[in-house]
N, C-alpha and C. Protein backbone atom coordinates (compact mmCIF):
# COMPACT_ATOMS: atom_id res chain seq x y z
N UNK A 1 -53.28 -3.36 89.41
CA UNK A 1 -54.72 -3.68 89.28
C UNK A 1 -55.05 -4.79 90.27
N UNK A 2 -56.03 -4.52 91.15
CA UNK A 2 -56.39 -5.52 92.14
C UNK A 2 -57.63 -6.29 91.72
N UNK A 3 -57.95 -7.38 92.49
CA UNK A 3 -59.08 -8.25 92.14
C UNK A 3 -60.40 -7.48 92.18
N UNK A 4 -60.51 -6.51 93.13
CA UNK A 4 -61.76 -5.74 93.23
C UNK A 4 -62.00 -4.94 91.97
N UNK A 5 -60.91 -4.34 91.44
CA UNK A 5 -61.01 -3.55 90.22
C UNK A 5 -61.41 -4.45 89.05
N UNK A 6 -60.80 -5.68 88.98
CA UNK A 6 -61.13 -6.61 87.89
C UNK A 6 -62.59 -7.01 87.99
N UNK A 7 -63.03 -7.30 89.22
CA UNK A 7 -64.41 -7.76 89.41
C UNK A 7 -65.41 -6.66 89.02
N UNK A 8 -65.11 -5.42 89.42
CA UNK A 8 -66.02 -4.32 89.13
C UNK A 8 -66.12 -4.06 87.64
N UNK A 9 -65.05 -4.24 86.91
CA UNK A 9 -65.03 -3.98 85.48
C UNK A 9 -65.43 -5.20 84.65
N UNK A 10 -65.06 -6.39 85.14
CA UNK A 10 -65.35 -7.60 84.35
C UNK A 10 -65.42 -8.81 85.27
N UNK A 11 -66.56 -9.04 85.90
CA UNK A 11 -66.69 -10.16 86.86
C UNK A 11 -66.43 -11.50 86.21
N UNK A 12 -66.74 -11.64 84.92
CA UNK A 12 -66.50 -12.93 84.22
C UNK A 12 -65.01 -13.24 84.12
N UNK A 13 -64.20 -12.19 83.99
CA UNK A 13 -62.75 -12.38 83.89
C UNK A 13 -62.19 -12.93 85.19
N UNK A 14 -62.69 -12.40 86.32
CA UNK A 14 -62.24 -12.89 87.62
C UNK A 14 -62.63 -14.36 87.79
N UNK A 15 -63.81 -14.72 87.32
CA UNK A 15 -64.27 -16.11 87.43
C UNK A 15 -63.37 -17.04 86.63
N UNK A 16 -62.97 -16.60 85.44
CA UNK A 16 -62.07 -17.41 84.60
C UNK A 16 -60.71 -17.59 85.25
N UNK A 17 -60.21 -16.51 85.88
CA UNK A 17 -58.91 -16.59 86.55
C UNK A 17 -58.95 -17.60 87.69
N UNK A 18 -60.04 -17.59 88.45
CA UNK A 18 -60.18 -18.55 89.55
C UNK A 18 -60.26 -19.98 89.02
N UNK A 19 -60.94 -20.15 87.89
CA UNK A 19 -61.06 -21.49 87.29
C UNK A 19 -59.70 -22.00 86.85
N UNK A 20 -58.90 -21.11 86.21
CA UNK A 20 -57.55 -21.51 85.78
C UNK A 20 -56.69 -21.90 86.98
N UNK A 21 -56.82 -21.15 88.06
CA UNK A 21 -56.05 -21.44 89.27
C UNK A 21 -56.40 -22.81 89.82
N UNK A 22 -57.70 -23.11 89.84
CA UNK A 22 -58.14 -24.42 90.35
C UNK A 22 -57.65 -25.56 89.47
N UNK A 23 -57.68 -25.35 88.14
CA UNK A 23 -57.19 -26.37 87.21
C UNK A 23 -55.71 -26.61 87.42
N UNK A 24 -54.94 -25.51 87.58
CA UNK A 24 -53.49 -25.62 87.79
C UNK A 24 -53.19 -26.39 89.07
N UNK A 25 -53.94 -26.07 90.14
CA UNK A 25 -53.76 -26.80 91.40
C UNK A 25 -54.07 -28.28 91.22
N UNK A 26 -55.13 -28.56 90.45
CA UNK A 26 -55.50 -29.95 90.21
C UNK A 26 -54.42 -30.71 89.46
N UNK A 27 -53.84 -30.04 88.45
CA UNK A 27 -52.78 -30.68 87.67
C UNK A 27 -51.56 -30.98 88.53
N UNK A 28 -51.16 -29.99 89.33
CA UNK A 28 -50.02 -30.21 90.21
C UNK A 28 -50.30 -31.32 91.21
N UNK A 29 -51.52 -31.36 91.71
CA UNK A 29 -51.89 -32.41 92.66
C UNK A 29 -51.81 -33.78 92.02
N UNK A 30 -52.27 -33.88 90.76
CA UNK A 30 -52.21 -35.15 90.03
C UNK A 30 -50.78 -35.60 89.79
N UNK A 31 -49.92 -34.67 89.41
CA UNK A 31 -48.50 -35.00 89.18
C UNK A 31 -47.85 -35.51 90.45
N UNK A 32 -48.14 -34.83 91.56
CA UNK A 32 -47.55 -35.25 92.85
C UNK A 32 -48.05 -36.64 93.23
N UNK A 33 -49.35 -36.90 92.99
CA UNK A 33 -49.91 -38.22 93.32
C UNK A 33 -49.27 -39.32 92.49
N UNK A 34 -49.07 -39.05 91.20
CA UNK A 34 -48.43 -40.04 90.33
C UNK A 34 -46.99 -40.29 90.76
N UNK A 35 -46.31 -39.23 91.13
CA UNK A 35 -44.92 -39.37 91.58
C UNK A 35 -44.85 -40.22 92.84
N UNK A 36 -45.78 -40.00 93.77
CA UNK A 36 -45.79 -40.78 94.99
C UNK A 36 -46.05 -42.25 94.71
N UNK A 37 -46.95 -42.54 93.76
CA UNK A 37 -47.22 -43.92 93.37
C UNK A 37 -45.98 -44.57 92.77
N UNK A 38 -45.29 -43.82 91.89
CA UNK A 38 -44.09 -44.35 91.23
C UNK A 38 -43.01 -44.68 92.24
N UNK A 39 -42.80 -43.78 93.19
CA UNK A 39 -41.74 -44.00 94.15
C UNK A 39 -42.12 -45.02 95.22
N UNK A 40 -43.41 -45.28 95.37
CA UNK A 40 -43.83 -46.25 96.37
C UNK A 40 -43.69 -47.70 95.89
N UNK A 41 -43.47 -47.89 94.56
CA UNK A 41 -43.27 -49.23 94.02
C UNK A 41 -41.90 -49.74 94.44
N UNK A 42 -41.86 -50.82 95.19
CA UNK A 42 -40.60 -51.33 95.69
C UNK A 42 -40.24 -52.64 95.00
N UNK A 43 -38.96 -52.83 94.80
CA UNK A 43 -38.44 -54.06 94.21
C UNK A 43 -38.14 -55.05 95.34
N UNK A 44 -38.76 -56.21 95.24
CA UNK A 44 -38.55 -57.25 96.26
C UNK A 44 -37.54 -58.27 95.74
N UNK A 45 -36.58 -58.60 96.54
CA UNK A 45 -35.57 -59.58 96.18
C UNK A 45 -35.93 -60.92 96.81
N UNK A 46 -36.25 -61.91 95.95
CA UNK A 46 -36.65 -63.22 96.46
C UNK A 46 -35.56 -64.24 96.15
N UNK A 47 -34.93 -64.75 97.21
CA UNK A 47 -33.86 -65.72 97.04
C UNK A 47 -34.40 -67.08 96.61
N UNK A 48 -33.61 -67.76 95.79
CA UNK A 48 -33.95 -69.10 95.34
C UNK A 48 -33.51 -70.10 96.40
N UNK A 49 -34.33 -71.09 96.67
CA UNK A 49 -33.98 -72.17 97.59
C UNK A 49 -33.09 -73.16 96.83
N UNK A 50 -31.80 -73.08 97.06
CA UNK A 50 -30.85 -73.87 96.27
C UNK A 50 -30.97 -75.37 96.56
N UNK A 51 -31.42 -75.72 97.76
CA UNK A 51 -31.54 -77.13 98.11
C UNK A 51 -32.71 -77.79 97.39
N UNK A 52 -33.77 -77.03 97.14
CA UNK A 52 -34.95 -77.60 96.49
C UNK A 52 -34.98 -77.37 94.98
N UNK A 53 -34.08 -76.54 94.49
CA UNK A 53 -34.00 -76.27 93.05
C UNK A 53 -33.19 -77.34 92.34
N UNK A 54 -33.39 -77.46 91.03
CA UNK A 54 -32.72 -78.52 90.30
C UNK A 54 -32.35 -78.08 88.88
N UNK A 55 -31.14 -78.41 88.47
CA UNK A 55 -30.69 -78.18 87.09
C UNK A 55 -30.24 -79.52 86.52
N UNK A 56 -30.89 -79.96 85.45
CA UNK A 56 -30.54 -81.23 84.80
C UNK A 56 -29.97 -80.93 83.42
N UNK A 57 -28.77 -81.44 83.15
CA UNK A 57 -28.15 -81.24 81.85
C UNK A 57 -28.27 -82.51 81.00
N UNK A 58 -28.35 -82.30 79.70
CA UNK A 58 -28.35 -83.41 78.75
C UNK A 58 -27.43 -83.06 77.59
N UNK A 59 -26.47 -83.92 77.34
CA UNK A 59 -25.56 -83.74 76.20
C UNK A 59 -25.67 -84.93 75.26
N UNK A 60 -25.63 -84.66 73.98
CA UNK A 60 -25.77 -85.73 73.00
C UNK A 60 -24.52 -85.89 72.15
N UNK A 61 -24.29 -87.12 71.73
CA UNK A 61 -23.22 -87.43 70.80
C UNK A 61 -23.78 -88.30 69.69
N UNK A 62 -22.95 -88.62 68.72
CA UNK A 62 -23.44 -89.37 67.57
C UNK A 62 -24.00 -90.72 67.97
N UNK A 63 -23.44 -91.32 68.99
CA UNK A 63 -23.83 -92.68 69.37
C UNK A 63 -24.78 -92.75 70.56
N UNK A 64 -25.23 -91.61 71.07
CA UNK A 64 -26.12 -91.65 72.22
C UNK A 64 -26.15 -90.33 72.97
N UNK A 65 -26.40 -90.39 74.27
CA UNK A 65 -26.48 -89.18 75.09
C UNK A 65 -26.14 -89.51 76.54
N UNK A 66 -25.87 -88.45 77.29
CA UNK A 66 -25.65 -88.58 78.73
C UNK A 66 -26.38 -87.45 79.43
N UNK A 67 -26.68 -87.66 80.71
CA UNK A 67 -27.31 -86.60 81.48
C UNK A 67 -26.83 -86.62 82.92
N UNK A 68 -27.08 -85.52 83.58
CA UNK A 68 -26.66 -85.40 84.98
C UNK A 68 -27.21 -84.14 85.59
N UNK A 69 -26.62 -83.70 86.67
CA UNK A 69 -27.11 -82.52 87.37
C UNK A 69 -25.99 -81.53 87.67
N UNK A 70 -26.40 -80.29 87.90
CA UNK A 70 -25.50 -79.23 88.35
C UNK A 70 -26.23 -78.51 89.47
N UNK A 71 -25.54 -78.23 90.57
CA UNK A 71 -26.18 -77.55 91.69
C UNK A 71 -26.10 -76.03 91.53
N UNK A 72 -27.17 -75.38 91.98
CA UNK A 72 -27.18 -73.93 92.02
C UNK A 72 -26.47 -73.47 93.30
N UNK A 73 -25.53 -72.55 93.16
CA UNK A 73 -24.81 -72.03 94.32
C UNK A 73 -25.63 -70.95 95.03
N UNK A 74 -26.16 -70.04 94.28
CA UNK A 74 -27.05 -69.01 94.82
C UNK A 74 -27.81 -68.35 93.67
N UNK A 75 -28.82 -67.59 94.04
CA UNK A 75 -29.60 -66.91 93.01
C UNK A 75 -30.80 -66.20 93.61
N UNK A 76 -31.31 -65.22 92.88
CA UNK A 76 -32.49 -64.49 93.33
C UNK A 76 -33.24 -63.90 92.14
N UNK A 77 -34.53 -63.66 92.36
CA UNK A 77 -35.36 -62.94 91.41
C UNK A 77 -35.67 -61.57 91.98
N UNK A 78 -35.77 -60.57 91.11
CA UNK A 78 -36.27 -59.27 91.49
C UNK A 78 -37.75 -59.22 91.09
N UNK A 79 -38.61 -58.82 92.04
CA UNK A 79 -40.05 -58.82 91.81
C UNK A 79 -40.64 -57.44 92.07
N UNK A 80 -41.59 -57.06 91.24
CA UNK A 80 -42.37 -55.85 91.47
C UNK A 80 -43.84 -56.19 91.31
N UNK A 81 -44.62 -55.96 92.35
CA UNK A 81 -46.06 -56.28 92.32
C UNK A 81 -46.31 -57.74 91.93
N UNK A 82 -45.46 -58.63 92.42
CA UNK A 82 -45.62 -60.05 92.15
C UNK A 82 -45.14 -60.52 90.80
N UNK A 83 -44.51 -59.64 90.02
CA UNK A 83 -44.04 -60.01 88.68
C UNK A 83 -42.51 -59.95 88.62
N UNK A 84 -41.92 -60.85 87.85
CA UNK A 84 -40.47 -60.90 87.71
C UNK A 84 -39.99 -59.72 86.88
N UNK A 85 -38.96 -59.04 87.37
CA UNK A 85 -38.37 -57.93 86.63
C UNK A 85 -36.86 -58.11 86.41
N UNK A 86 -36.26 -59.07 87.10
CA UNK A 86 -34.82 -59.27 86.95
C UNK A 86 -34.36 -60.44 87.80
N UNK A 87 -33.04 -60.64 87.83
CA UNK A 87 -32.50 -61.71 88.65
C UNK A 87 -31.08 -62.06 88.26
N UNK A 88 -30.38 -62.72 89.17
CA UNK A 88 -29.01 -63.20 88.93
C UNK A 88 -28.85 -64.57 89.58
N UNK A 89 -28.06 -65.44 88.93
CA UNK A 89 -27.93 -66.81 89.38
C UNK A 89 -26.51 -67.31 89.16
N UNK A 90 -26.05 -68.15 90.09
CA UNK A 90 -24.70 -68.72 90.01
C UNK A 90 -24.77 -70.23 90.16
N UNK A 91 -24.21 -70.94 89.20
CA UNK A 91 -24.16 -72.40 89.26
C UNK A 91 -22.79 -72.85 89.75
N UNK A 92 -22.78 -73.89 90.57
CA UNK A 92 -21.54 -74.47 91.10
C UNK A 92 -21.06 -75.53 90.11
N UNK A 93 -20.11 -75.17 89.26
CA UNK A 93 -19.65 -76.08 88.22
C UNK A 93 -18.86 -77.26 88.78
N UNK A 94 -18.36 -77.13 90.00
CA UNK A 94 -17.64 -78.25 90.62
C UNK A 94 -18.59 -79.36 91.04
N UNK A 95 -19.89 -79.09 90.96
CA UNK A 95 -20.89 -80.07 91.40
C UNK A 95 -21.41 -80.95 90.26
N UNK A 96 -20.84 -80.83 89.07
CA UNK A 96 -21.33 -81.59 87.92
C UNK A 96 -21.29 -83.09 88.23
N UNK A 97 -22.44 -83.74 88.04
CA UNK A 97 -22.51 -85.19 88.21
C UNK A 97 -23.13 -85.82 86.96
N UNK A 98 -22.85 -87.10 86.77
CA UNK A 98 -23.44 -87.90 85.70
C UNK A 98 -24.41 -88.88 86.36
N UNK A 99 -25.66 -88.91 85.89
CA UNK A 99 -26.67 -89.74 86.55
C UNK A 99 -27.07 -90.98 85.75
N UNK A 100 -26.59 -91.10 84.51
CA UNK A 100 -26.99 -92.26 83.69
C UNK A 100 -25.90 -93.32 83.61
N UNK A 101 -24.82 -93.13 84.37
CA UNK A 101 -23.74 -94.12 84.40
C UNK A 101 -23.42 -94.48 85.85
N UNK A 102 -22.71 -95.57 86.03
CA UNK A 102 -22.29 -95.98 87.37
C UNK A 102 -20.83 -96.40 87.35
N UNK A 103 -20.25 -96.50 88.54
CA UNK A 103 -18.89 -97.04 88.69
C UNK A 103 -17.83 -96.23 87.97
N UNK A 104 -16.87 -96.94 87.36
CA UNK A 104 -15.73 -96.30 86.71
C UNK A 104 -16.15 -95.42 85.54
N UNK A 105 -17.17 -95.86 84.80
CA UNK A 105 -17.64 -95.06 83.66
C UNK A 105 -18.16 -93.71 84.11
N UNK A 106 -18.87 -93.70 85.21
CA UNK A 106 -19.41 -92.46 85.79
C UNK A 106 -18.25 -91.54 86.22
N UNK A 107 -17.30 -92.08 86.96
CA UNK A 107 -16.16 -91.29 87.43
C UNK A 107 -15.33 -90.75 86.28
N UNK A 108 -15.16 -91.56 85.23
CA UNK A 108 -14.35 -91.13 84.09
C UNK A 108 -14.99 -89.96 83.37
N UNK A 109 -16.31 -90.05 83.13
CA UNK A 109 -16.99 -88.95 82.43
C UNK A 109 -17.05 -87.69 83.29
N UNK A 110 -17.30 -87.85 84.58
CA UNK A 110 -17.33 -86.68 85.46
C UNK A 110 -15.97 -86.00 85.49
N UNK A 111 -14.90 -86.79 85.54
CA UNK A 111 -13.56 -86.22 85.52
C UNK A 111 -13.28 -85.48 84.23
N UNK A 112 -13.77 -86.05 83.11
CA UNK A 112 -13.55 -85.41 81.81
C UNK A 112 -14.32 -84.09 81.72
N UNK A 113 -15.55 -84.06 82.22
CA UNK A 113 -16.35 -82.84 82.19
C UNK A 113 -15.73 -81.74 83.05
N UNK A 114 -15.06 -82.15 84.12
CA UNK A 114 -14.40 -81.18 85.00
C UNK A 114 -13.07 -80.68 84.43
N UNK A 115 -12.52 -81.40 83.49
CA UNK A 115 -11.19 -81.07 82.95
C UNK A 115 -11.25 -79.88 82.00
N UNK A 116 -10.06 -79.44 81.58
CA UNK A 116 -9.98 -78.31 80.65
C UNK A 116 -10.55 -78.63 79.28
N UNK A 117 -10.68 -79.92 78.94
CA UNK A 117 -11.33 -80.28 77.67
C UNK A 117 -12.75 -79.76 77.62
N UNK A 118 -13.39 -79.71 78.79
CA UNK A 118 -14.77 -79.24 78.85
C UNK A 118 -14.87 -77.96 79.67
N UNK A 119 -15.20 -78.04 80.96
CA UNK A 119 -15.54 -76.84 81.71
C UNK A 119 -14.44 -76.29 82.61
N UNK A 120 -13.30 -76.97 82.72
CA UNK A 120 -12.15 -76.43 83.44
C UNK A 120 -12.51 -75.87 84.80
N UNK A 121 -13.14 -76.68 85.64
CA UNK A 121 -13.73 -76.16 86.87
C UNK A 121 -12.71 -75.68 87.91
N UNK A 122 -11.47 -76.13 87.81
CA UNK A 122 -10.46 -75.61 88.74
C UNK A 122 -10.22 -74.13 88.50
N UNK A 123 -10.25 -73.75 87.24
CA UNK A 123 -10.05 -72.34 86.88
C UNK A 123 -11.35 -71.57 86.90
N UNK A 124 -12.42 -72.24 86.50
CA UNK A 124 -13.74 -71.59 86.40
C UNK A 124 -14.76 -72.38 87.23
N UNK A 125 -14.76 -72.21 88.54
CA UNK A 125 -15.62 -73.02 89.41
C UNK A 125 -17.10 -72.66 89.37
N UNK A 126 -17.43 -71.52 88.77
CA UNK A 126 -18.83 -71.11 88.70
C UNK A 126 -19.20 -70.67 87.28
N UNK A 127 -20.48 -70.74 86.99
CA UNK A 127 -21.06 -70.15 85.78
C UNK A 127 -22.19 -69.25 86.25
N UNK A 128 -22.43 -68.15 85.55
CA UNK A 128 -23.43 -67.18 86.01
C UNK A 128 -24.39 -66.79 84.90
N UNK A 129 -25.56 -66.36 85.32
CA UNK A 129 -26.52 -65.79 84.39
C UNK A 129 -27.16 -64.57 85.03
N UNK A 130 -27.23 -63.48 84.26
CA UNK A 130 -27.85 -62.24 84.73
C UNK A 130 -28.93 -61.80 83.76
N UNK A 131 -30.13 -61.59 84.27
CA UNK A 131 -31.22 -61.09 83.44
C UNK A 131 -30.99 -59.61 83.12
N UNK A 132 -31.16 -59.25 81.86
CA UNK A 132 -31.03 -57.85 81.47
C UNK A 132 -32.38 -57.26 81.02
N UNK A 133 -33.26 -58.11 80.49
CA UNK A 133 -34.59 -57.67 80.06
C UNK A 133 -35.61 -58.76 80.38
N UNK A 134 -36.72 -58.37 80.98
CA UNK A 134 -37.80 -59.32 81.27
C UNK A 134 -39.12 -58.71 80.79
N UNK A 135 -39.86 -59.46 79.97
CA UNK A 135 -41.14 -58.99 79.46
C UNK A 135 -42.20 -60.04 79.76
N UNK A 136 -43.30 -59.62 80.37
CA UNK A 136 -44.39 -60.56 80.63
C UNK A 136 -45.20 -60.76 79.35
N UNK A 137 -45.20 -61.99 78.83
CA UNK A 137 -45.92 -62.31 77.60
C UNK A 137 -47.37 -62.69 77.87
N UNK A 138 -47.60 -63.30 79.00
CA UNK A 138 -48.92 -63.74 79.43
C UNK A 138 -48.81 -63.97 80.94
N UNK A 139 -49.94 -64.11 81.63
CA UNK A 139 -49.85 -64.36 83.07
C UNK A 139 -48.97 -65.57 83.41
N UNK A 140 -47.90 -65.32 84.15
CA UNK A 140 -47.00 -66.40 84.54
C UNK A 140 -46.00 -66.81 83.48
N UNK A 141 -45.99 -66.16 82.32
CA UNK A 141 -45.04 -66.50 81.25
C UNK A 141 -44.25 -65.26 80.86
N UNK A 142 -42.91 -65.40 80.86
CA UNK A 142 -42.04 -64.27 80.59
C UNK A 142 -41.06 -64.56 79.46
N UNK A 143 -40.76 -63.54 78.70
CA UNK A 143 -39.64 -63.59 77.77
C UNK A 143 -38.44 -62.97 78.46
N UNK A 144 -37.34 -63.69 78.49
CA UNK A 144 -36.16 -63.24 79.24
C UNK A 144 -34.95 -63.15 78.32
N UNK A 145 -34.22 -62.07 78.43
CA UNK A 145 -32.93 -61.93 77.76
C UNK A 145 -31.88 -61.63 78.82
N UNK A 146 -30.68 -62.14 78.62
CA UNK A 146 -29.65 -61.90 79.60
C UNK A 146 -28.28 -62.32 79.13
N UNK A 147 -27.35 -62.39 80.07
CA UNK A 147 -25.96 -62.72 79.76
C UNK A 147 -25.53 -63.96 80.53
N UNK A 148 -25.07 -64.96 79.78
CA UNK A 148 -24.57 -66.20 80.36
C UNK A 148 -23.04 -66.18 80.32
N UNK A 149 -22.43 -66.52 81.45
CA UNK A 149 -20.97 -66.58 81.53
C UNK A 149 -20.53 -67.99 81.90
N UNK A 150 -19.77 -68.63 81.01
CA UNK A 150 -19.22 -69.97 81.22
C UNK A 150 -17.76 -69.93 80.80
N UNK A 151 -16.88 -70.47 81.63
CA UNK A 151 -15.43 -70.47 81.35
C UNK A 151 -14.92 -69.06 81.04
N UNK A 152 -15.47 -68.08 81.73
CA UNK A 152 -15.00 -66.71 81.56
C UNK A 152 -15.49 -66.03 80.30
N UNK A 153 -16.31 -66.70 79.49
CA UNK A 153 -16.85 -66.12 78.26
C UNK A 153 -18.31 -65.74 78.50
N UNK A 154 -18.66 -64.50 78.17
CA UNK A 154 -20.01 -64.00 78.36
C UNK A 154 -20.70 -63.82 77.02
N UNK A 155 -21.88 -64.43 76.88
CA UNK A 155 -22.64 -64.36 75.63
C UNK A 155 -24.11 -64.08 75.94
N UNK A 156 -24.80 -63.40 75.00
CA UNK A 156 -26.24 -63.15 75.21
C UNK A 156 -27.05 -64.42 74.98
N UNK A 157 -28.16 -64.52 75.68
CA UNK A 157 -29.05 -65.66 75.52
C UNK A 157 -30.47 -65.19 75.82
N UNK A 158 -31.46 -65.78 75.12
CA UNK A 158 -32.87 -65.42 75.34
C UNK A 158 -33.70 -66.69 75.40
N UNK A 159 -34.75 -66.66 76.22
CA UNK A 159 -35.57 -67.85 76.39
C UNK A 159 -36.89 -67.46 77.06
N UNK A 160 -37.83 -68.39 77.11
CA UNK A 160 -39.09 -68.20 77.82
C UNK A 160 -39.00 -68.83 79.21
N UNK A 161 -39.63 -68.19 80.17
CA UNK A 161 -39.63 -68.65 81.55
C UNK A 161 -41.07 -68.72 82.04
N UNK A 162 -41.42 -69.81 82.70
CA UNK A 162 -42.77 -69.98 83.25
C UNK A 162 -42.71 -69.96 84.76
N UNK A 163 -43.61 -69.20 85.38
CA UNK A 163 -43.68 -69.13 86.82
C UNK A 163 -45.02 -69.68 87.30
N UNK A 164 -44.98 -70.71 88.12
CA UNK A 164 -46.19 -71.29 88.71
C UNK A 164 -46.01 -71.28 90.22
N UNK A 165 -46.89 -70.55 90.91
CA UNK A 165 -46.76 -70.37 92.36
C UNK A 165 -45.36 -69.84 92.68
N UNK A 166 -44.56 -70.60 93.41
CA UNK A 166 -43.21 -70.15 93.75
C UNK A 166 -42.13 -70.96 93.03
N UNK A 167 -42.46 -71.44 91.83
CA UNK A 167 -41.52 -72.23 91.05
C UNK A 167 -41.35 -71.64 89.66
N UNK A 168 -40.10 -71.40 89.25
CA UNK A 168 -39.78 -70.91 87.91
C UNK A 168 -39.18 -72.06 87.11
N UNK A 169 -39.65 -72.23 85.89
CA UNK A 169 -39.21 -73.34 85.05
C UNK A 169 -38.83 -72.86 83.66
N UNK A 170 -37.75 -73.42 83.12
CA UNK A 170 -37.35 -73.11 81.76
C UNK A 170 -36.44 -74.20 81.23
N UNK A 171 -36.26 -74.23 79.92
CA UNK A 171 -35.30 -75.13 79.28
C UNK A 171 -34.39 -74.29 78.40
N UNK A 172 -33.09 -74.38 78.63
CA UNK A 172 -32.11 -73.64 77.85
C UNK A 172 -31.38 -74.58 76.91
N UNK A 173 -31.19 -74.14 75.68
CA UNK A 173 -30.35 -74.87 74.73
C UNK A 173 -29.11 -74.01 74.49
N UNK A 174 -27.95 -74.54 74.88
CA UNK A 174 -26.71 -73.75 74.87
C UNK A 174 -25.71 -74.37 73.90
N UNK A 175 -25.15 -73.53 73.06
CA UNK A 175 -24.07 -73.95 72.17
C UNK A 175 -22.75 -73.83 72.94
N UNK A 176 -22.19 -74.96 73.33
CA UNK A 176 -20.99 -74.96 74.18
C UNK A 176 -19.79 -74.32 73.50
N UNK A 177 -19.75 -74.36 72.16
CA UNK A 177 -18.59 -73.81 71.44
C UNK A 177 -18.49 -72.29 71.60
N UNK A 178 -19.62 -71.64 71.94
CA UNK A 178 -19.58 -70.20 72.19
C UNK A 178 -18.78 -69.87 73.44
N UNK A 179 -18.57 -70.88 74.27
CA UNK A 179 -17.86 -70.69 75.54
C UNK A 179 -16.53 -71.44 75.57
N UNK A 180 -16.00 -71.67 74.36
CA UNK A 180 -14.69 -72.31 74.21
C UNK A 180 -14.67 -73.74 74.76
N UNK A 181 -15.81 -74.44 74.67
CA UNK A 181 -15.87 -75.86 75.01
C UNK A 181 -16.01 -76.61 73.69
N UNK A 182 -14.88 -77.01 73.11
CA UNK A 182 -14.87 -77.51 71.74
C UNK A 182 -14.50 -78.98 71.60
N UNK A 183 -14.24 -79.64 72.69
CA UNK A 183 -13.82 -81.03 72.62
C UNK A 183 -14.85 -81.87 71.87
N UNK A 184 -14.39 -82.62 70.88
CA UNK A 184 -15.24 -83.52 70.12
C UNK A 184 -16.26 -82.83 69.23
N UNK A 185 -16.07 -81.54 68.98
CA UNK A 185 -17.02 -80.79 68.15
C UNK A 185 -16.73 -80.97 66.67
N UNK A 186 -17.72 -81.41 65.93
CA UNK A 186 -17.56 -81.54 64.49
C UNK A 186 -17.44 -80.21 63.78
N UNK A 187 -17.74 -79.13 64.48
CA UNK A 187 -17.61 -77.79 63.90
C UNK A 187 -16.15 -77.33 63.85
N UNK A 188 -15.29 -77.99 64.64
CA UNK A 188 -13.89 -77.56 64.72
C UNK A 188 -12.89 -78.66 64.40
N UNK A 189 -13.34 -79.92 64.45
CA UNK A 189 -12.40 -81.02 64.21
C UNK A 189 -12.96 -81.95 63.14
N UNK A 190 -12.07 -82.40 62.27
CA UNK A 190 -12.46 -83.31 61.19
C UNK A 190 -12.23 -84.77 61.60
N UNK A 191 -12.88 -85.66 60.86
CA UNK A 191 -12.66 -87.11 61.00
C UNK A 191 -12.89 -87.63 62.41
N UNK A 192 -13.87 -87.07 63.11
CA UNK A 192 -14.20 -87.56 64.46
C UNK A 192 -15.02 -88.83 64.42
N UNK A 193 -15.70 -89.05 63.32
CA UNK A 193 -16.52 -90.26 63.18
C UNK A 193 -17.55 -90.38 64.28
N UNK A 194 -17.63 -91.60 64.89
CA UNK A 194 -18.65 -91.82 65.93
C UNK A 194 -18.27 -91.22 67.28
N UNK A 195 -17.13 -90.52 67.33
CA UNK A 195 -16.74 -89.83 68.56
C UNK A 195 -17.24 -88.37 68.58
N UNK A 196 -17.99 -87.99 67.56
CA UNK A 196 -18.50 -86.62 67.49
C UNK A 196 -19.50 -86.34 68.63
N UNK A 197 -19.29 -85.21 69.29
CA UNK A 197 -20.20 -84.75 70.35
C UNK A 197 -20.90 -83.50 69.83
N UNK A 198 -22.22 -83.47 69.93
CA UNK A 198 -22.97 -82.33 69.41
C UNK A 198 -22.62 -81.05 70.17
N UNK A 199 -22.68 -79.94 69.45
CA UNK A 199 -22.30 -78.66 70.05
C UNK A 199 -23.29 -78.19 71.11
N UNK A 200 -24.55 -78.49 70.93
CA UNK A 200 -25.56 -77.99 71.85
C UNK A 200 -25.85 -78.95 72.99
N UNK A 201 -26.01 -78.41 74.18
CA UNK A 201 -26.50 -79.21 75.30
C UNK A 201 -27.69 -78.49 75.93
N UNK A 202 -28.49 -79.25 76.67
CA UNK A 202 -29.74 -78.72 77.21
C UNK A 202 -29.70 -78.65 78.73
N UNK A 203 -30.26 -77.59 79.28
CA UNK A 203 -30.42 -77.45 80.72
C UNK A 203 -31.91 -77.33 81.03
N UNK A 204 -32.44 -78.29 81.77
CA UNK A 204 -33.80 -78.21 82.27
C UNK A 204 -33.73 -77.67 83.70
N UNK A 205 -34.29 -76.49 83.88
CA UNK A 205 -34.11 -75.74 85.13
C UNK A 205 -35.42 -75.59 85.88
N UNK A 206 -35.37 -75.92 87.16
CA UNK A 206 -36.53 -75.81 88.05
C UNK A 206 -36.08 -75.11 89.32
N UNK A 207 -36.52 -73.86 89.49
CA UNK A 207 -36.07 -73.05 90.60
C UNK A 207 -37.19 -72.81 91.61
N UNK A 208 -36.93 -73.17 92.86
CA UNK A 208 -37.91 -73.00 93.93
C UNK A 208 -37.56 -71.78 94.78
N UNK A 209 -38.59 -71.06 95.20
CA UNK A 209 -38.39 -69.90 96.06
C UNK A 209 -39.08 -70.10 97.40
């Protein structure tokens, strides 16, 4: 049966067939356009400026607190359409410094933090963090989940991250005992008295791109 025969017997049927054909073409065209848009979205890798970035740590004990810095070795964010979608970062644990002490007291604490009692930097010279999930909660504010590795132990961690211009800022609260850093922990040792060191320490992180 040819189109001429269909038209002669039922011209409305031929009109409907042409309409269906046009709709089908339109649908296929739309699918192709969406696919092209999807594939045209590129992930941009933006390296962190390690010289201008800063990580400040604070640890507390029963009788007071100490603070210092840790240098970032390298790191980058993955961006899509100007929004954070991922990233990986490496901290240089051999760079741990104490900033609230001077002289012999400063050297003694820095040596202790580098020792196996704490971060064992000869064996574990770096600590890493990898983003696994990033959700934009509001413009410039993200909920981040990922994996932190310290002393060869990898644990999940989640936190909020704020991005202003080319600067990412966050504060992490880390339980050191999850990474086998137990020296002076009241959770594992009895009768420590005023030598007790709290399990949690804080990292105030400011990353420049």
